N, C-alpha and C. Protein backbone atom coordinates (compact mmCIF):
# COMPACT_ATOMS: atom_id res chain seq x y z
N MET A 1 -58.42 70.13 -108.85
CA MET A 1 -59.77 70.21 -107.64
C MET A 1 -59.20 68.42 -107.35
N ARG A 2 -58.76 67.66 -107.97
CA ARG A 2 -59.00 66.90 -107.83
C ARG A 2 -57.42 66.40 -106.77
N ALA A 3 -56.69 67.24 -107.43
CA ALA A 3 -55.51 66.78 -105.97
C ALA A 3 -55.54 67.44 -104.90
N PHE A 4 -56.13 68.63 -105.04
CA PHE A 4 -56.80 69.69 -103.55
C PHE A 4 -57.31 68.52 -102.75
N LEU A 5 -58.04 67.52 -103.23
CA LEU A 5 -58.99 67.18 -102.42
C LEU A 5 -58.41 65.78 -102.06
N ARG A 6 -57.27 65.28 -103.10
CA ARG A 6 -56.43 64.07 -102.54
C ARG A 6 -55.29 64.75 -101.09
N TRP A 7 -55.07 65.67 -101.91
CA TRP A 7 -54.53 66.22 -100.28
C TRP A 7 -54.83 66.59 -99.38
N LEU A 8 -56.33 66.74 -98.83
CA LEU A 8 -56.91 66.34 -97.60
C LEU A 8 -57.39 65.89 -97.60
N GLN A 9 -57.06 64.60 -97.99
CA GLN A 9 -57.50 63.20 -97.60
C GLN A 9 -56.50 62.54 -97.41
N LEU A 10 -55.45 62.37 -97.67
CA LEU A 10 -53.90 61.64 -97.51
C LEU A 10 -52.71 62.76 -96.98
N TRP A 11 -52.40 62.40 -95.73
CA TRP A 11 -50.67 63.28 -95.40
C TRP A 11 -50.01 62.00 -95.26
N SER A 12 -48.98 62.45 -95.52
CA SER A 12 -47.80 61.10 -95.87
C SER A 12 -46.36 62.21 -95.12
N PHE A 13 -45.71 61.68 -94.29
CA PHE A 13 -44.34 62.34 -94.26
C PHE A 13 -42.79 61.73 -93.84
N ARG A 14 -42.10 61.95 -93.82
CA ARG A 14 -40.72 60.81 -92.86
C ARG A 14 -40.61 62.43 -91.79
N ILE A 15 -40.80 61.01 -90.34
CA ILE A 15 -40.39 61.55 -88.86
C ILE A 15 -39.18 61.48 -88.98
N SER A 16 -38.55 60.51 -89.47
CA SER A 16 -36.89 59.90 -88.82
C SER A 16 -36.28 59.67 -90.56
N LYS A 17 -34.55 59.19 -90.79
CA LYS A 17 -34.47 59.00 -91.11
C LYS A 17 -35.07 56.90 -92.23
N ASN A 18 -35.74 56.51 -91.28
CA ASN A 18 -36.18 55.03 -91.56
C ASN A 18 -37.41 54.79 -90.82
N TYR A 19 -38.17 56.15 -90.62
CA TYR A 19 -39.54 56.45 -90.76
C TYR A 19 -40.51 57.04 -91.25
N ALA A 20 -41.89 57.00 -91.57
CA ALA A 20 -42.49 57.61 -92.29
C ALA A 20 -43.78 57.43 -91.28
N VAL A 21 -44.65 58.42 -91.56
CA VAL A 21 -46.39 58.71 -91.12
C VAL A 21 -46.99 59.15 -92.56
N ASP A 22 -48.06 58.19 -92.43
CA ASP A 22 -49.69 58.25 -93.03
C ASP A 22 -50.62 58.57 -92.63
N ILE A 23 -51.36 59.77 -92.85
CA ILE A 23 -52.44 59.75 -92.23
C ILE A 23 -53.65 60.19 -93.52
N MET A 24 -54.72 59.51 -92.98
CA MET A 24 -55.81 59.75 -94.18
C MET A 24 -56.70 59.10 -93.39
N LEU A 25 -57.79 60.78 -94.32
CA LEU A 25 -59.02 60.63 -93.31
C LEU A 25 -60.61 60.28 -94.46
N LEU A 26 -61.56 60.16 -94.04
CA LEU A 26 -62.49 60.10 -95.12
C LEU A 26 -62.01 59.21 -96.61
N HIS A 27 -61.84 57.76 -96.67
CA HIS A 27 -60.63 57.55 -97.87
C HIS A 27 -62.37 55.98 -97.82
N LYS A 28 -63.00 55.70 -99.19
CA LYS A 28 -64.04 55.16 -99.52
C LYS A 28 -62.40 54.22 -100.13
N PHE A 29 -62.64 52.72 -99.63
CA PHE A 29 -62.20 51.66 -99.59
C PHE A 29 -62.55 50.50 -100.59
N ARG A 30 -63.63 50.30 -100.73
CA ARG A 30 -64.78 49.22 -101.40
C ARG A 30 -66.04 49.60 -101.90
N GLN A 31 -66.83 49.39 -103.42
CA GLN A 31 -68.39 49.78 -103.65
C GLN A 31 -68.97 49.13 -102.45
N PHE A 32 -70.10 49.15 -102.23
CA PHE A 32 -71.74 48.77 -102.13
C PHE A 32 -71.34 47.57 -102.69
N SER A 33 -71.38 47.30 -104.11
CA SER A 33 -71.23 45.82 -104.50
C SER A 33 -70.77 44.89 -103.92
N ASP A 34 -69.68 45.49 -104.09
CA ASP A 34 -68.82 44.21 -103.37
C ASP A 34 -69.14 43.26 -101.48
N GLY A 35 -69.51 44.56 -101.00
CA GLY A 35 -69.83 44.26 -99.91
C GLY A 35 -69.73 45.38 -99.07
N VAL A 36 -70.12 45.07 -98.02
CA VAL A 36 -70.09 46.12 -96.59
C VAL A 36 -69.36 45.75 -95.30
N THR A 37 -68.43 46.79 -94.86
CA THR A 37 -68.01 46.90 -93.70
C THR A 37 -68.49 47.70 -92.89
N VAL A 38 -69.94 47.12 -91.25
CA VAL A 38 -70.13 47.98 -91.35
C VAL A 38 -69.75 48.61 -90.49
N LEU A 39 -68.51 48.76 -89.73
CA LEU A 39 -67.73 49.00 -88.49
C LEU A 39 -66.71 47.66 -88.35
N ASP A 40 -65.38 48.94 -88.53
CA ASP A 40 -64.30 48.22 -88.44
C ASP A 40 -63.08 48.91 -87.71
N CYS A 41 -62.78 48.19 -86.81
CA CYS A 41 -61.36 49.67 -85.73
C CYS A 41 -60.09 48.37 -85.16
N ASP A 42 -59.64 48.89 -85.86
CA ASP A 42 -57.77 47.73 -85.80
C ASP A 42 -57.14 48.80 -85.79
N ILE A 43 -56.21 48.39 -84.35
CA ILE A 43 -55.45 48.70 -83.96
C ILE A 43 -53.42 47.77 -84.03
N ASN A 44 -52.74 47.93 -84.32
CA ASN A 44 -52.48 46.17 -84.85
C ASN A 44 -50.27 47.17 -84.70
N LEU A 45 -49.92 46.76 -83.89
CA LEU A 45 -48.49 46.80 -84.12
C LEU A 45 -47.59 44.92 -84.11
N ASP A 46 -46.79 45.49 -84.98
CA ASP A 46 -46.54 44.96 -85.82
C ASP A 46 -44.88 44.77 -86.39
N LEU A 47 -44.13 43.82 -84.86
CA LEU A 47 -43.00 43.58 -84.67
C LEU A 47 -41.91 42.49 -86.12
N TYR A 48 -43.07 41.75 -86.38
CA TYR A 48 -42.45 40.58 -87.62
C TYR A 48 -41.35 41.25 -88.05
N GLU A 49 -39.97 40.92 -89.05
CA GLU A 49 -39.21 40.83 -89.07
C GLU A 49 -39.76 40.70 -90.98
N ALA A 50 -40.26 42.15 -91.83
CA ALA A 50 -40.98 41.70 -93.00
C ALA A 50 -40.37 43.67 -93.30
N ASP A 51 -40.15 43.39 -94.65
CA ASP A 51 -40.89 44.35 -95.47
C ASP A 51 -41.78 45.71 -94.83
N HIS A 52 -41.24 46.37 -94.67
CA HIS A 52 -41.73 48.03 -94.01
C HIS A 52 -42.30 47.57 -92.38
N ASN A 53 -41.77 47.15 -91.88
CA ASN A 53 -41.94 46.42 -90.62
C ASN A 53 -40.13 46.91 -89.61
N PRO A 54 -40.53 46.85 -88.13
CA PRO A 54 -41.98 47.02 -87.68
C PRO A 54 -42.25 48.58 -88.34
N LYS A 55 -44.26 48.52 -87.35
CA LYS A 55 -45.26 49.71 -88.10
C LYS A 55 -46.28 49.55 -87.16
N PHE A 56 -46.80 50.08 -86.55
CA PHE A 56 -48.35 50.73 -85.84
C PHE A 56 -49.31 51.07 -87.25
N GLU A 57 -50.67 50.54 -86.54
CA GLU A 57 -51.21 51.52 -87.63
C GLU A 57 -52.32 51.59 -86.93
N LEU A 58 -53.54 52.22 -86.41
CA LEU A 58 -54.52 52.56 -86.11
C LEU A 58 -55.79 53.22 -87.17
N ARG A 59 -56.71 51.87 -87.24
CA ARG A 59 -58.05 52.34 -88.45
C ARG A 59 -59.28 52.36 -87.56
N LEU A 60 -60.39 53.13 -88.38
CA LEU A 60 -61.69 53.20 -88.19
C LEU A 60 -61.98 53.46 -89.51
N ALA A 61 -62.93 52.22 -89.66
CA ALA A 61 -64.23 51.77 -90.84
C ALA A 61 -65.65 52.30 -90.07
N PHE A 62 -66.05 52.97 -91.24
CA PHE A 62 -67.52 52.90 -90.82
C PHE A 62 -67.70 52.73 -92.68
N CYS A 63 -69.02 52.06 -93.15
CA CYS A 63 -69.68 51.46 -94.29
C CYS A 63 -68.44 51.82 -95.65
N ASN A 64 -67.72 51.04 -95.70
CA ASN A 64 -67.15 51.20 -96.56
C ASN A 64 -66.13 52.41 -96.82
N VAL A 65 -66.17 53.02 -95.75
CA VAL A 65 -65.19 54.36 -95.54
C VAL A 65 -64.28 54.62 -94.61
N TYR A 66 -62.99 54.81 -94.81
CA TYR A 66 -61.40 54.57 -93.78
C TYR A 66 -62.42 56.16 -93.45
N ILE A 67 -63.35 56.20 -91.90
CA ILE A 67 -63.18 57.39 -91.21
C ILE A 67 -61.65 58.36 -90.76
N PHE A 68 -60.71 57.48 -90.46
CA PHE A 68 -59.26 57.84 -89.87
C PHE A 68 -58.65 56.12 -89.80
N GLN A 69 -57.12 56.74 -90.19
CA GLN A 69 -56.22 55.61 -90.63
C GLN A 69 -54.91 56.19 -90.15
N PHE A 70 -53.84 55.66 -89.47
CA PHE A 70 -53.21 56.68 -88.94
C PHE A 70 -51.77 55.61 -89.28
N GLU A 71 -50.93 55.92 -89.15
CA GLU A 71 -49.95 54.52 -90.09
C GLU A 71 -48.20 55.23 -89.52
N VAL A 72 -48.10 54.25 -88.57
CA VAL A 72 -46.08 54.49 -88.47
C VAL A 72 -45.30 53.05 -88.99
N TYR A 73 -44.29 53.42 -90.22
CA TYR A 73 -43.69 52.38 -90.26
C TYR A 73 -42.31 52.44 -91.28
N ASN A 74 -41.98 51.19 -91.32
CA ASN A 74 -40.72 51.52 -91.61
C ASN A 74 -40.00 51.39 -92.99
N VAL A 75 -39.48 52.62 -93.40
CA VAL A 75 -39.45 53.05 -94.79
C VAL A 75 -38.63 51.97 -95.71
N ASN A 76 -38.10 50.66 -95.26
CA ASN A 76 -37.04 50.24 -96.10
C ASN A 76 -37.31 48.75 -96.12
N HIS A 77 -36.94 48.16 -97.23
CA HIS A 77 -36.81 46.68 -97.50
C HIS A 77 -35.84 46.11 -96.92
N VAL A 78 -36.37 45.15 -96.38
CA VAL A 78 -35.75 43.24 -95.79
C VAL A 78 -34.73 43.44 -97.26
N PRO A 79 -33.49 43.15 -96.23
CA PRO A 79 -32.62 42.77 -97.09
C PRO A 79 -32.49 41.11 -97.72
N LEU A 80 -32.45 40.89 -99.34
CA LEU A 80 -32.38 39.07 -99.84
C LEU A 80 -31.19 38.32 -99.76
């Protein structure tokens, strides 16, 4: 049952050879005893050359729960 609920909560798939998409719904990211994030909305485009970049993120959180998180990112690492 937990695996099914996790599947409903998180979808991850490749859209090309170099890019993937993650979609997460209703995910509790910390305990209330650690603090409270009442409302947080992030829209981020990161073009800096680093691991898994470039990437685009869209995230909405309410009361320590990600209501919606969408991320498109490069699956490759930067060569050392």
